[in-house]
Amino acid sequence: MQSKSRATIKDRDFNFENSLVRITANRSCPEIRLAGFNIGPFEEGNDYEVYYWTALELEKVGIARFKGEEQLDTIKLNKVQWTERIQTTGQISKLPEYFYPRLRRRLSELRSEIAKDPEKLREYERLSQLTQDIANSRLRKIVSIASAPAQTENTLRNFTEEEKFLYERLYKLISLWRKQILEYNGGPE
């Protein structure tokens, strides 16, 4: 069960790495040719849509930067946390697309920046705490929903792919447990 769950999260990360993101060119750059893949050309100041993994590499070499909406920061996470807290147990709010993969990358980024800038430790701790609060709140709701009768797609529409996977596994496990606990197969022999 754990390896299948891990594979699902890795699959989601792979999909995220290959999703399109918006970047802004920091400088002009001719077309870059890779094995079976061309990137650019880029003109300084213009916005482009590229694969996430490509954007990371372009950012590393200073050719481009991510557009602001790509970054999960304390303000966005505070809003997500607040929204989760005001909803009832049976309600789950919609998260930004690829929320968990983006969040994992942001936390990893901050961890690596702490060595260079100790002030990042405070930001990392705050983001880490918000992450735990959001995940725990959503987990409680998923367990509650999985314990109820089967849900419609409408109920599950705000679940992330990772959460849908968890819900399906929990629902099956809880249903099996209920069936076995209530089933009588005769007395002792």
Protein backbone atom coordinates (compact mmCIF):
# COMPACT_ATOMS: atom_id res chain seq x y z
CA MET A 1 0.00 0.00 0.00
CA GLN A 2 2.78 2.44 0.85
CA SER A 3 4.70 1.75 -2.38
CA LYS A 4 1.55 2.32 -4.49
CA SER A 5 0.89 5.57 -2.63
CA ARG A 6 4.51 6.66 -3.14
CA ALA A 7 4.25 5.80 -6.87
CA THR A 8 1.12 7.91 -7.18
CA ILE A 9 2.86 10.89 -5.61
CA LYS A 10 5.88 10.36 -7.87
CA ASP A 11 3.54 10.15 -10.87
CA ARG A 12 1.92 13.42 -9.84
CA ASP A 13 5.37 15.01 -9.47
CA PHE A 14 6.30 13.76 -12.95
CA ASN A 15 3.11 15.29 -14.37
CA PHE A 16 3.90 18.56 -12.61
CA GLU A 17 7.47 18.63 -13.95
CA ASN A 18 5.97 18.31 -17.43
CA SER A 19 3.17 20.84 -16.97
CA LEU A 20 3.22 24.23 -18.67
CA VAL A 21 4.13 27.31 -16.60
CA ARG A 22 4.48 31.01 -17.41
CA ILE A 23 7.87 32.68 -17.45
CA THR A 24 9.21 36.12 -18.33
CA ALA A 25 12.44 36.38 -20.31
CA ASN A 26 15.16 38.30 -18.42
CA ARG A 27 17.18 38.64 -21.59
CA SER A 28 16.97 37.81 -25.26
CA CYS A 29 18.19 34.37 -26.22
CA PRO A 30 18.29 32.49 -29.52
CA GLU A 31 16.58 29.15 -29.95
CA ILE A 32 18.15 26.39 -27.85
CA ARG A 33 18.26 22.96 -29.47
CA LEU A 34 18.19 19.87 -27.32
CA ALA A 35 17.91 16.23 -28.39
CA GLY A 36 14.57 16.25 -30.20
CA PHE A 37 13.39 19.39 -28.45
CA ASN A 38 13.75 23.13 -29.18
CA ILE A 39 13.28 25.96 -26.68
CA GLY A 40 12.86 29.61 -27.58
CA PRO A 41 13.88 31.94 -29.02
CA PHE A 42 13.21 34.38 -26.17
CA GLU A 43 12.95 38.14 -26.28
CA GLU A 44 13.68 40.13 -23.13
CA GLY A 45 10.55 41.19 -21.23
CA ASN A 46 8.16 38.88 -23.07
CA ASP A 47 6.14 36.15 -21.40
CA TYR A 48 6.26 32.55 -22.54
CA GLU A 49 4.74 29.23 -21.63
CA VAL A 50 7.22 26.38 -21.16
CA TYR A 51 7.45 23.10 -19.29
CA TYR A 52 8.20 23.46 -15.59
CA TRP A 53 11.49 21.55 -15.85
CA THR A 54 12.55 23.85 -18.70
CA ALA A 55 11.62 26.95 -16.70
CA LEU A 56 13.79 25.74 -13.81
CA GLU A 57 16.80 25.41 -16.09
CA LEU A 58 16.15 28.78 -17.76
CA GLU A 59 15.90 30.38 -14.33
CA LYS A 60 19.17 28.77 -13.16
CA VAL A 61 21.10 30.30 -16.06
CA GLY A 62 19.37 33.68 -15.75
CA ILE A 63 17.49 33.61 -19.04
CA ALA A 64 14.01 33.75 -17.47
CA ARG A 65 12.10 33.92 -14.21
CA PHE A 66 8.82 32.38 -13.13
CA LYS A 67 5.72 34.54 -13.20
CA GLY A 68 4.54 35.44 -9.67
CA GLU A 69 1.53 33.13 -9.55
CA GLU A 70 3.73 30.04 -9.64
CA GLN A 71 5.15 30.61 -6.13
CA LEU A 72 3.37 29.33 -3.02
CA ASP A 73 4.14 31.79 -0.25
CA THR A 74 2.96 32.42 3.30
CA ILE A 75 0.15 34.72 2.15
CA LYS A 76 -1.31 32.11 -0.24
CA LEU A 77 -0.95 29.33 2.32
CA ASN A 78 -2.58 31.44 5.05
CA LYS A 79 -5.55 31.91 2.72
CA VAL A 80 -5.76 28.16 2.02
CA GLN A 81 -5.50 27.37 5.74
CA TRP A 82 -8.20 29.91 6.65
CA THR A 83 -10.53 28.57 3.95
CA GLU A 84 -10.07 25.00 5.19
CA ARG A 85 -10.77 25.96 8.78
CA ILE A 86 -14.07 27.76 8.09
CA GLN A 87 -15.56 24.89 6.12
CA THR A 88 -17.52 22.07 7.66
CA THR A 89 -16.18 18.52 7.95
CA GLY A 90 -17.85 17.41 4.73
CA GLN A 91 -16.51 20.31 2.67
CA ILE A 92 -13.11 20.61 1.04
CA SER A 93 -12.04 23.73 -0.79
CA LYS A 94 -10.40 23.73 -4.20
CA LEU A 95 -6.62 23.99 -4.06
CA PRO A 96 -4.41 25.56 -6.73
CA GLU A 97 -3.41 23.11 -9.45
CA TYR A 98 -0.45 20.91 -8.50
CA PHE A 99 -0.65 22.25 -4.94
CA TYR A 100 1.28 19.45 -3.23
CA PRO A 101 4.12 19.15 -5.79
CA ARG A 102 4.55 22.93 -5.76
CA LEU A 103 4.50 22.99 -1.97
CA ARG A 104 7.10 20.23 -1.67
CA ARG A 105 9.39 22.11 -4.04
CA ARG A 106 8.96 25.39 -2.17
CA LEU A 107 9.81 23.77 1.16
CA SER A 108 12.84 22.05 -0.39
CA GLU A 109 13.94 25.38 -1.89
CA LEU A 110 13.73 27.08 1.50
CA ARG A 111 15.62 24.24 3.21
CA SER A 112 18.50 24.66 0.79
CA GLU A 113 18.48 28.47 1.20
CA ILE A 114 18.79 28.27 5.01
CA ALA A 115 22.52 27.47 4.79
CA LYS A 116 23.13 30.68 2.80
CA ASP A 117 20.60 32.85 4.60
CA PRO A 118 19.68 31.88 8.20
CA GLU A 119 16.69 34.29 8.03
CA LYS A 120 15.04 31.74 5.71
CA LEU A 121 14.69 29.39 8.69
CA ARG A 122 11.79 31.44 10.06
CA GLU A 123 10.02 31.41 6.68
CA TYR A 124 10.65 27.67 6.33
CA GLU A 125 9.24 26.96 9.79
CA ARG A 126 6.15 29.10 9.11
CA LEU A 127 5.50 27.45 5.74
CA SER A 128 6.12 24.03 7.26
CA GLN A 129 3.58 24.70 10.04
CA LEU A 130 0.98 25.98 7.56
CA THR A 131 1.58 22.91 5.41
CA GLN A 132 0.99 20.59 8.37
CA ASP A 133 -2.17 22.45 9.37
CA ILE A 134 -3.59 22.30 5.83
CA ALA A 135 -2.68 18.63 5.34
CA ASN A 136 -4.10 17.61 8.74
CA SER A 137 -7.33 19.53 8.19
CA ARG A 138 -7.84 17.98 4.75
CA LEU A 139 -6.87 14.53 6.01
CA ARG A 140 -9.52 14.67 8.76
CA LYS A 141 -12.11 15.63 6.14
CA ILE A 142 -11.03 12.88 3.74
CA VAL A 143 -11.26 10.24 6.49
CA SER A 144 -14.70 11.53 7.47
CA ILE A 145 -15.94 11.52 3.87
CA ALA A 146 -14.43 8.05 3.26
CA SER A 147 -16.32 6.76 6.32
CA ALA A 148 -19.65 7.90 4.88
CA PRO A 149 -21.62 6.22 2.08
CA ALA A 150 -20.04 6.39 -1.40
CA GLN A 151 -19.64 9.95 -2.63
CA THR A 152 -20.57 11.40 -5.98
CA GLU A 153 -17.99 12.92 -8.31
CA ASN A 154 -19.46 16.30 -7.39
CA THR A 155 -18.42 15.79 -3.76
CA LEU A 156 -14.91 14.76 -4.79
CA ARG A 157 -14.37 17.51 -7.39
CA ASN A 158 -12.22 19.64 -5.06
CA PHE A 159 -9.92 16.78 -4.08
CA THR A 160 -6.44 16.81 -5.53
CA GLU A 161 -5.31 13.69 -7.41
CA GLU A 162 -3.31 12.61 -4.35
CA GLU A 163 -6.38 13.06 -2.14
CA LYS A 164 -8.65 11.14 -4.53
CA PHE A 165 -6.23 8.24 -4.42
CA LEU A 166 -6.21 8.30 -0.61
CA TYR A 167 -10.02 8.62 -0.45
CA GLU A 168 -10.52 5.60 -2.75
CA ARG A 169 -8.15 3.45 -0.71
CA LEU A 170 -9.69 4.51 2.61
CA TYR A 171 -13.25 4.05 1.34
CA LYS A 172 -12.49 0.48 0.19
CA LEU A 173 -10.68 -0.38 3.42
CA ILE A 174 -13.43 1.07 5.65
CA SER A 175 -16.17 -0.64 3.61
CA LEU A 176 -14.37 -3.99 3.87
CA TRP A 177 -13.85 -3.52 7.60
CA ARG A 178 -17.55 -2.71 8.11
CA LYS A 179 -18.61 -5.72 6.10
CA GLN A 180 -16.31 -8.05 8.03
CA ILE A 181 -17.19 -6.62 11.45
CA LEU A 182 -20.92 -7.03 10.80
CA GLU A 183 -20.77 -10.39 9.05
CA TYR A 184 -21.51 -13.51 11.06
CA ASN A 185 -20.07 -16.73 9.70
CA GLY A 186 -21.32 -19.16 12.32
CA GLY A 187 -20.14 -19.83 15.82
CA PRO A 188 -17.11 -21.63 17.15
CA GLU A 189 -16.69 -25.20 15.97
